Amino acid sequence: MRGVEVSTEDAKRRDLIMDLLCHMRVQVPETMGDVHAQLQDAIAEGLMKKDGDEYLVTELGRPFIRSLATAFDTHFQSQKTARHSRAV
């Protein structure tokens, strides 16, 4: 077998990342408290804003969209060493 088996949680998070990257907006379920906390930091920095139950990427946040998406990626967050280039 090739590849990695994707759990239900991974699939949900993948769909949220795709929504964020493709539409510059995402609706985060309340069950993902870890994501809400990280996105609050992005709001404080002016990279995102909240409109009802959606998080929207601001013009200031567009260049940082890949960094914003890491809030949803539990595998990325658990890595101890850098595997990709860091955002400046």
C-alpha atoms as a PDB file:
ATOM      1  CA  MET A   1       0.000   0.000   0.000  1.00  0.00           C
ATOM      2  CA  ARG A   2       1.254   3.477  -0.841  1.00  0.00           C
ATOM      3  CA  GLY A   3       0.561   6.745   0.889  1.00  0.00           C
ATOM      4  CA  VAL A   4      -0.844   7.507   4.280  1.00  0.00           C
ATOM      5  CA  GLU A   5      -4.220   6.543   5.646  1.00  0.00           C
ATOM      6  CA  VAL A   6      -6.243   9.673   6.338  1.00  0.00           C
ATOM      7  CA  SER A   7      -8.343   9.736   9.502  1.00  0.00           C
ATOM      8  CA  THR A   8     -11.768  11.360   9.632  1.00  0.00           C
ATOM      9  CA  GLU A   9     -10.296  14.238  11.654  1.00  0.00           C
ATOM     10  CA  ASP A  10      -7.502  14.725   9.103  1.00  0.00           C
ATOM     11  CA  ALA A  11     -10.068  14.805   6.285  1.00  0.00           C
ATOM     12  CA  LYS A  12     -12.131  17.474   8.098  1.00  0.00           C
ATOM     13  CA  ARG A  13      -9.043  19.586   8.678  1.00  0.00           C
ATOM     14  CA  ARG A  14      -7.929  19.116   5.055  1.00  0.00           C
ATOM     15  CA  ASP A  15     -11.317  20.410   3.859  1.00  0.00           C
ATOM     16  CA  LEU A  16     -11.028  23.460   6.124  1.00  0.00           C
ATOM     17  CA  ILE A  17      -7.533  24.183   4.817  1.00  0.00           C
ATOM     18  CA  MET A  18      -8.819  23.948   1.238  1.00  0.00           C
ATOM     19  CA  ASP A  19     -11.671  26.352   2.043  1.00  0.00           C
ATOM     20  CA  LEU A  20      -9.226  28.812   3.554  1.00  0.00           C
ATOM     21  CA  LEU A  21      -6.713  28.623   0.696  1.00  0.00           C
ATOM     22  CA  CYS A  22      -9.285  28.673  -2.123  1.00  0.00           C
ATOM     23  CA  HIS A  23     -11.921  31.055  -0.765  1.00  0.00           C
ATOM     24  CA  MET A  24      -9.973  33.165   1.763  1.00  0.00           C
ATOM     25  CA  ARG A  25     -12.618  32.289   4.344  1.00  0.00           C
ATOM     26  CA  VAL A  26     -13.401  29.363   6.591  1.00  0.00           C
ATOM     27  CA  GLN A  27     -16.099  28.253   9.015  1.00  0.00           C
ATOM     28  CA  VAL A  28     -14.448  26.485  11.957  1.00  0.00           C
ATOM     29  CA  PRO A  29     -16.486  24.038  14.063  1.00  0.00           C
ATOM     30  CA  GLU A  30     -16.707  24.881  17.773  1.00  0.00           C
ATOM     31  CA  THR A  31     -15.115  21.510  18.547  1.00  0.00           C
ATOM     32  CA  MET A  32     -11.776  22.796  17.208  1.00  0.00           C
ATOM     33  CA  GLY A  33     -10.909  25.045  20.123  1.00  0.00           C
ATOM     34  CA  ASP A  34      -7.202  24.843  19.342  1.00  0.00           C
ATOM     35  CA  VAL A  35      -7.805  26.408  15.930  1.00  0.00           C
ATOM     36  CA  HIS A  36     -10.014  29.168  17.341  1.00  0.00           C
ATOM     37  CA  ALA A  37      -7.264  30.148  19.777  1.00  0.00           C
ATOM     38  CA  GLN A  38      -4.644  30.373  17.026  1.00  0.00           C
ATOM     39  CA  LEU A  39      -6.926  32.342  14.731  1.00  0.00           C
ATOM     40  CA  GLN A  40      -7.556  34.852  17.522  1.00  0.00           C
ATOM     41  CA  ASP A  41      -3.834  35.649  17.346  1.00  0.00           C
ATOM     42  CA  ALA A  42      -4.198  36.220  13.575  1.00  0.00           C
ATOM     43  CA  ILE A  43      -7.154  38.554  14.223  1.00  0.00           C
ATOM     44  CA  ALA A  44      -5.121  40.517  16.779  1.00  0.00           C
ATOM     45  CA  GLU A  45      -2.369  40.935  14.182  1.00  0.00           C
ATOM     46  CA  GLY A  46      -4.830  42.112  11.514  1.00  0.00           C
ATOM     47  CA  LEU A  47      -4.326  39.052   9.288  1.00  0.00           C
ATOM     48  CA  MET A  48      -7.912  37.845   9.677  1.00  0.00           C
ATOM     49  CA  LYS A  49     -11.254  39.130  10.850  1.00  0.00           C
ATOM     50  CA  LYS A  50     -14.333  37.355  12.137  1.00  0.00           C
ATOM     51  CA  ASP A  51     -17.705  37.842  10.471  1.00  0.00           C
ATOM     52  CA  GLY A  52     -20.382  35.917  12.331  1.00  0.00           C
ATOM     53  CA  ASP A  53     -19.197  32.331  12.411  1.00  0.00           C
ATOM     54  CA  GLU A  54     -16.662  32.743   9.587  1.00  0.00           C
ATOM     55  CA  TYR A  55     -13.027  33.754   9.656  1.00  0.00           C
ATOM     56  CA  LEU A  56     -12.021  35.938   6.705  1.00  0.00           C
ATOM     57  CA  VAL A  57      -8.491  36.613   5.502  1.00  0.00           C
ATOM     58  CA  THR A  58      -7.760  40.348   5.255  1.00  0.00           C
ATOM     59  CA  GLU A  59      -5.697  41.955   2.493  1.00  0.00           C
ATOM     60  CA  LEU A  60      -2.854  42.184   4.999  1.00  0.00           C
ATOM     61  CA  GLY A  61      -3.150  38.435   5.666  1.00  0.00           C
ATOM     62  CA  ARG A  62      -3.181  37.238   2.048  1.00  0.00           C
ATOM     63  CA  PRO A  63       0.621  36.893   1.761  1.00  0.00           C
ATOM     64  CA  PHE A  64       0.571  34.796   4.955  1.00  0.00           C
ATOM     65  CA  ILE A  65      -2.225  32.421   3.907  1.00  0.00           C
ATOM     66  CA  ARG A  66      -0.023  29.309   4.090  1.00  0.00           C
ATOM     67  CA  SER A  67       1.076  30.216   7.598  1.00  0.00           C
ATOM     68  CA  LEU A  68      -2.551  30.782   8.605  1.00  0.00           C
ATOM     69  CA  ALA A  69      -3.462  27.340   7.254  1.00  0.00           C
ATOM     70  CA  THR A  70      -0.997  25.665   9.628  1.00  0.00           C
ATOM     71  CA  ALA A  71      -3.440  26.401  12.465  1.00  0.00           C
ATOM     72  CA  PHE A  72      -5.521  23.483  11.134  1.00  0.00           C
ATOM     73  CA  ASP A  73      -2.660  21.027  10.548  1.00  0.00           C
ATOM     74  CA  THR A  74      -2.026  18.959  13.662  1.00  0.00           C
ATOM     75  CA  HIS A  75       0.833  17.089  11.969  1.00  0.00           C
ATOM     76  CA  PHE A  76       2.637  20.328  11.143  1.00  0.00           C
ATOM     77  CA  GLN A  77       2.229  21.590  14.703  1.00  0.00           C
ATOM     78  CA  SER A  78       3.668  18.386  16.196  1.00  0.00           C
ATOM     79  CA  GLN A  79       6.905  18.555  14.183  1.00  0.00           C
ATOM     80  CA  LYS A  80       9.897  19.459  16.276  1.00  0.00           C
ATOM     81  CA  THR A  81      12.196  20.257  13.351  1.00  0.00           C
ATOM     82  CA  ALA A  82      11.508  22.470  10.367  1.00  0.00           C
ATOM     83  CA  ARG A  83      10.739  20.625   7.135  1.00  0.00           C
ATOM     84  CA  HIS A  84       9.692  23.544   4.962  1.00  0.00           C
ATOM     85  CA  SER A  85      10.868  27.057   4.410  1.00  0.00           C
ATOM     86  CA  ARG A  86       9.567  29.415   7.051  1.00  0.00           C
ATOM     87  CA  ALA A  87       7.434  32.443   6.293  1.00  0.00           C
ATOM     88  CA  VAL A  88       9.374  35.667   6.632  1.00  0.00           C
END
